[in-house]
Amino acid sequence: MDKTEEKANQALKEFIRYSSSPWRIVWTNFVAGVFRGLGAIIGASMFIALLIWVLTLFVDTPLVGEYAQKVKDAVTGYVKDTNYNDEFDRLGDTLDRIEKELANDNAKR
């Protein structure tokens, strides 16, 4: 058996081990989803910051300045209005309730 066949057999064994465990698939997809979401948030933040920075360059130009200022104000207003602290607080409260229920269930056992 040459090295290519050995690598192919090893890869097949690894794939079979991976696909035979549903929890491994769920965990892998969960972690991938978390990092995709994190990447989207970071990318959107960088894009908005870059957009605001570019718009500040055009604020002082005669014709374009008015429109750039309006767009800049709209974007910064949207960023300020979109505050997710309420959602994070609700999520924290929900997690606290779940933790208390799990502690009660474990105490009953």
C-alpha atoms as a PDB file:
ATOM      1  CA  MET A   1       0.000   0.000   0.000  1.00  0.00           C
ATOM      2  CA  ASP A   2       1.542   3.301  -1.017  1.00  0.00           C
ATOM      3  CA  LYS A   3       1.301   6.599   0.903  1.00  0.00           C
ATOM      4  CA  THR A   4      -1.545   7.954  -1.243  1.00  0.00           C
ATOM      5  CA  GLU A   5      -3.774   4.959  -0.508  1.00  0.00           C
ATOM      6  CA  GLU A   6      -2.833   5.102   3.154  1.00  0.00           C
ATOM      7  CA  LYS A   7      -3.816   8.789   3.341  1.00  0.00           C
ATOM      8  CA  ALA A   8      -7.073   8.069   1.515  1.00  0.00           C
ATOM      9  CA  ASN A   9      -7.907   5.231   3.925  1.00  0.00           C
ATOM     10  CA  GLN A  10      -7.096   7.427   6.910  1.00  0.00           C
ATOM     11  CA  ALA A  11      -9.277  10.227   5.517  1.00  0.00           C
ATOM     12  CA  LEU A  12     -12.133   7.796   4.921  1.00  0.00           C
ATOM     13  CA  LYS A  13     -11.866   6.454   8.471  1.00  0.00           C
ATOM     14  CA  GLU A  14     -11.884  10.005   9.856  1.00  0.00           C
ATOM     15  CA  PHE A  15     -14.930  10.912   7.740  1.00  0.00           C
ATOM     16  CA  ILE A  16     -16.809   7.811   8.911  1.00  0.00           C
ATOM     17  CA  ARG A  17     -15.959   8.606  12.538  1.00  0.00           C
ATOM     18  CA  TYR A  18     -17.114  12.197  12.055  1.00  0.00           C
ATOM     19  CA  SER A  19     -20.355  11.362  10.272  1.00  0.00           C
ATOM     20  CA  SER A  20     -21.300   8.578  12.681  1.00  0.00           C
ATOM     21  CA  SER A  21     -21.578  11.000  15.606  1.00  0.00           C
ATOM     22  CA  PRO A  22     -24.515  13.417  15.298  1.00  0.00           C
ATOM     23  CA  TRP A  23     -23.297  15.458  18.275  1.00  0.00           C
ATOM     24  CA  ARG A  24     -19.926  15.991  16.640  1.00  0.00           C
ATOM     25  CA  ILE A  25     -21.667  17.314  13.517  1.00  0.00           C
ATOM     26  CA  VAL A  26     -23.926  19.574  15.600  1.00  0.00           C
ATOM     27  CA  TRP A  27     -20.973  20.894  17.620  1.00  0.00           C
ATOM     28  CA  THR A  28     -18.881  21.548  14.503  1.00  0.00           C
ATOM     29  CA  ASN A  29     -21.731  23.414  12.824  1.00  0.00           C
ATOM     30  CA  PHE A  30     -22.469  25.379  16.004  1.00  0.00           C
ATOM     31  CA  VAL A  31     -18.870  26.555  16.337  1.00  0.00           C
ATOM     32  CA  ALA A  32     -18.729  27.414  12.633  1.00  0.00           C
ATOM     33  CA  GLY A  33     -21.951  29.428  12.958  1.00  0.00           C
ATOM     34  CA  VAL A  34     -20.660  31.347  15.963  1.00  0.00           C
ATOM     35  CA  PHE A  35     -17.506  32.343  14.124  1.00  0.00           C
ATOM     36  CA  ARG A  36     -19.427  33.251  10.965  1.00  0.00           C
ATOM     37  CA  GLY A  37     -21.669  35.519  13.022  1.00  0.00           C
ATOM     38  CA  LEU A  38     -18.692  37.048  14.786  1.00  0.00           C
ATOM     39  CA  GLY A  39     -16.997  37.652  11.457  1.00  0.00           C
ATOM     40  CA  ALA A  40     -20.133  39.292  10.071  1.00  0.00           C
ATOM     41  CA  ILE A  41     -20.370  41.618  13.062  1.00  0.00           C
ATOM     42  CA  ILE A  42     -16.715  42.599  12.864  1.00  0.00           C
ATOM     43  CA  GLY A  43     -16.920  43.058   9.090  1.00  0.00           C
ATOM     44  CA  ALA A  44     -20.061  45.190   9.302  1.00  0.00           C
ATOM     45  CA  SER A  45     -18.507  47.332  12.044  1.00  0.00           C
ATOM     46  CA  MET A  46     -15.395  47.897   9.965  1.00  0.00           C
ATOM     47  CA  PHE A  47     -17.478  48.732   6.888  1.00  0.00           C
ATOM     48  CA  ILE A  48     -19.615  51.263   8.784  1.00  0.00           C
ATOM     49  CA  ALA A  49     -16.516  52.870  10.316  1.00  0.00           C
ATOM     50  CA  LEU A  50     -14.881  53.089   6.890  1.00  0.00           C
ATOM     51  CA  LEU A  51     -18.057  54.543   5.374  1.00  0.00           C
ATOM     52  CA  ILE A  52     -18.288  57.220   8.065  1.00  0.00           C
ATOM     53  CA  TRP A  53     -14.617  58.059   7.644  1.00  0.00           C
ATOM     54  CA  VAL A  54     -14.970  58.407   3.856  1.00  0.00           C
ATOM     55  CA  LEU A  55     -18.072  60.567   4.258  1.00  0.00           C
ATOM     56  CA  THR A  56     -16.217  62.906   6.611  1.00  0.00           C
ATOM     57  CA  LEU A  57     -13.719  63.511   3.809  1.00  0.00           C
ATOM     58  CA  PHE A  58     -16.479  64.823   1.540  1.00  0.00           C
ATOM     59  CA  VAL A  59     -18.380  66.957   4.056  1.00  0.00           C
ATOM     60  CA  ASP A  60     -16.445  70.111   3.159  1.00  0.00           C
ATOM     61  CA  THR A  61     -16.789  69.767  -0.636  1.00  0.00           C
ATOM     62  CA  PRO A  62     -19.356  72.131  -2.142  1.00  0.00           C
ATOM     63  CA  LEU A  63     -22.120  70.110  -3.855  1.00  0.00           C
ATOM     64  CA  VAL A  64     -21.444  66.691  -2.427  1.00  0.00           C
ATOM     65  CA  GLY A  65     -20.937  67.956   1.138  1.00  0.00           C
ATOM     66  CA  GLU A  66     -24.627  68.371   1.949  1.00  0.00           C
ATOM     67  CA  TYR A  67     -25.495  64.859   0.807  1.00  0.00           C
ATOM     68  CA  ALA A  68     -22.446  63.373   2.499  1.00  0.00           C
ATOM     69  CA  GLN A  69     -23.414  65.091   5.757  1.00  0.00           C
ATOM     70  CA  LYS A  70     -26.984  63.768   5.501  1.00  0.00           C
ATOM     71  CA  VAL A  71     -25.787  60.230   4.814  1.00  0.00           C
ATOM     72  CA  LYS A  72     -23.218  60.458   7.600  1.00  0.00           C
ATOM     73  CA  ASP A  73     -25.881  61.676  10.036  1.00  0.00           C
ATOM     74  CA  ALA A  74     -28.255  58.902   8.966  1.00  0.00           C
ATOM     75  CA  VAL A  75     -25.605  56.203   9.380  1.00  0.00           C
ATOM     76  CA  THR A  76     -24.371  57.463  12.747  1.00  0.00           C
ATOM     77  CA  GLY A  77     -27.961  57.877  13.941  1.00  0.00           C
ATOM     78  CA  TYR A  78     -28.760  54.317  12.937  1.00  0.00           C
ATOM     79  CA  VAL A  79     -25.664  53.022  14.719  1.00  0.00           C
ATOM     80  CA  LYS A  80     -26.586  54.922  17.888  1.00  0.00           C
ATOM     81  CA  ASP A  81     -30.237  53.819  17.732  1.00  0.00           C
ATOM     82  CA  THR A  82     -29.343  50.176  17.163  1.00  0.00           C
ATOM     83  CA  ASN A  83     -28.288  49.337  20.665  1.00  0.00           C
ATOM     84  CA  TYR A  84     -28.637  45.696  21.608  1.00  0.00           C
ATOM     85  CA  ASN A  85     -28.184  46.105  25.383  1.00  0.00           C
ATOM     86  CA  ASP A  86     -31.858  45.305  26.012  1.00  0.00           C
ATOM     87  CA  GLU A  87     -31.583  42.069  24.069  1.00  0.00           C
ATOM     88  CA  PHE A  88     -28.385  41.107  25.898  1.00  0.00           C
ATOM     89  CA  ASP A  89     -30.059  41.805  29.254  1.00  0.00           C
ATOM     90  CA  ARG A  90     -33.035  39.618  28.323  1.00  0.00           C
ATOM     91  CA  LEU A  91     -30.704  36.871  27.149  1.00  0.00           C
ATOM     92  CA  GLY A  92     -28.794  37.069  30.438  1.00  0.00           C
ATOM     93  CA  ASP A  93     -32.040  36.845  32.413  1.00  0.00           C
ATOM     94  CA  THR A  94     -33.138  33.832  30.391  1.00  0.00           C
ATOM     95  CA  LEU A  95     -29.822  32.089  30.967  1.00  0.00           C
ATOM     96  CA  ASP A  96     -30.076  32.813  34.709  1.00  0.00           C
ATOM     97  CA  ARG A  97     -33.560  31.261  34.830  1.00  0.00           C
ATOM     98  CA  ILE A  98     -32.344  28.184  32.959  1.00  0.00           C
ATOM     99  CA  GLU A  99     -29.400  27.847  35.325  1.00  0.00           C
ATOM    100  CA  LYS A 100     -31.705  28.070  38.375  1.00  0.00           C
ATOM    101  CA  GLU A 101     -34.082  25.459  36.919  1.00  0.00           C
ATOM    102  CA  LEU A 102     -31.192  23.107  36.207  1.00  0.00           C
ATOM    103  CA  ALA A 103     -29.873  23.605  39.757  1.00  0.00           C
ATOM    104  CA  ASN A 104     -33.354  22.847  41.142  1.00  0.00           C
ATOM    105  CA  ASP A 105     -33.612  19.706  39.011  1.00  0.00           C
ATOM    106  CA  ASN A 106     -30.191  18.523  40.184  1.00  0.00           C
ATOM    107  CA  ALA A 107     -31.113  19.238  43.825  1.00  0.00           C
ATOM    108  CA  LYS A 108     -34.285  17.142  43.486  1.00  0.00           C
ATOM    109  CA  ARG A 109     -32.286  14.145  42.250  1.00  0.00           C
END
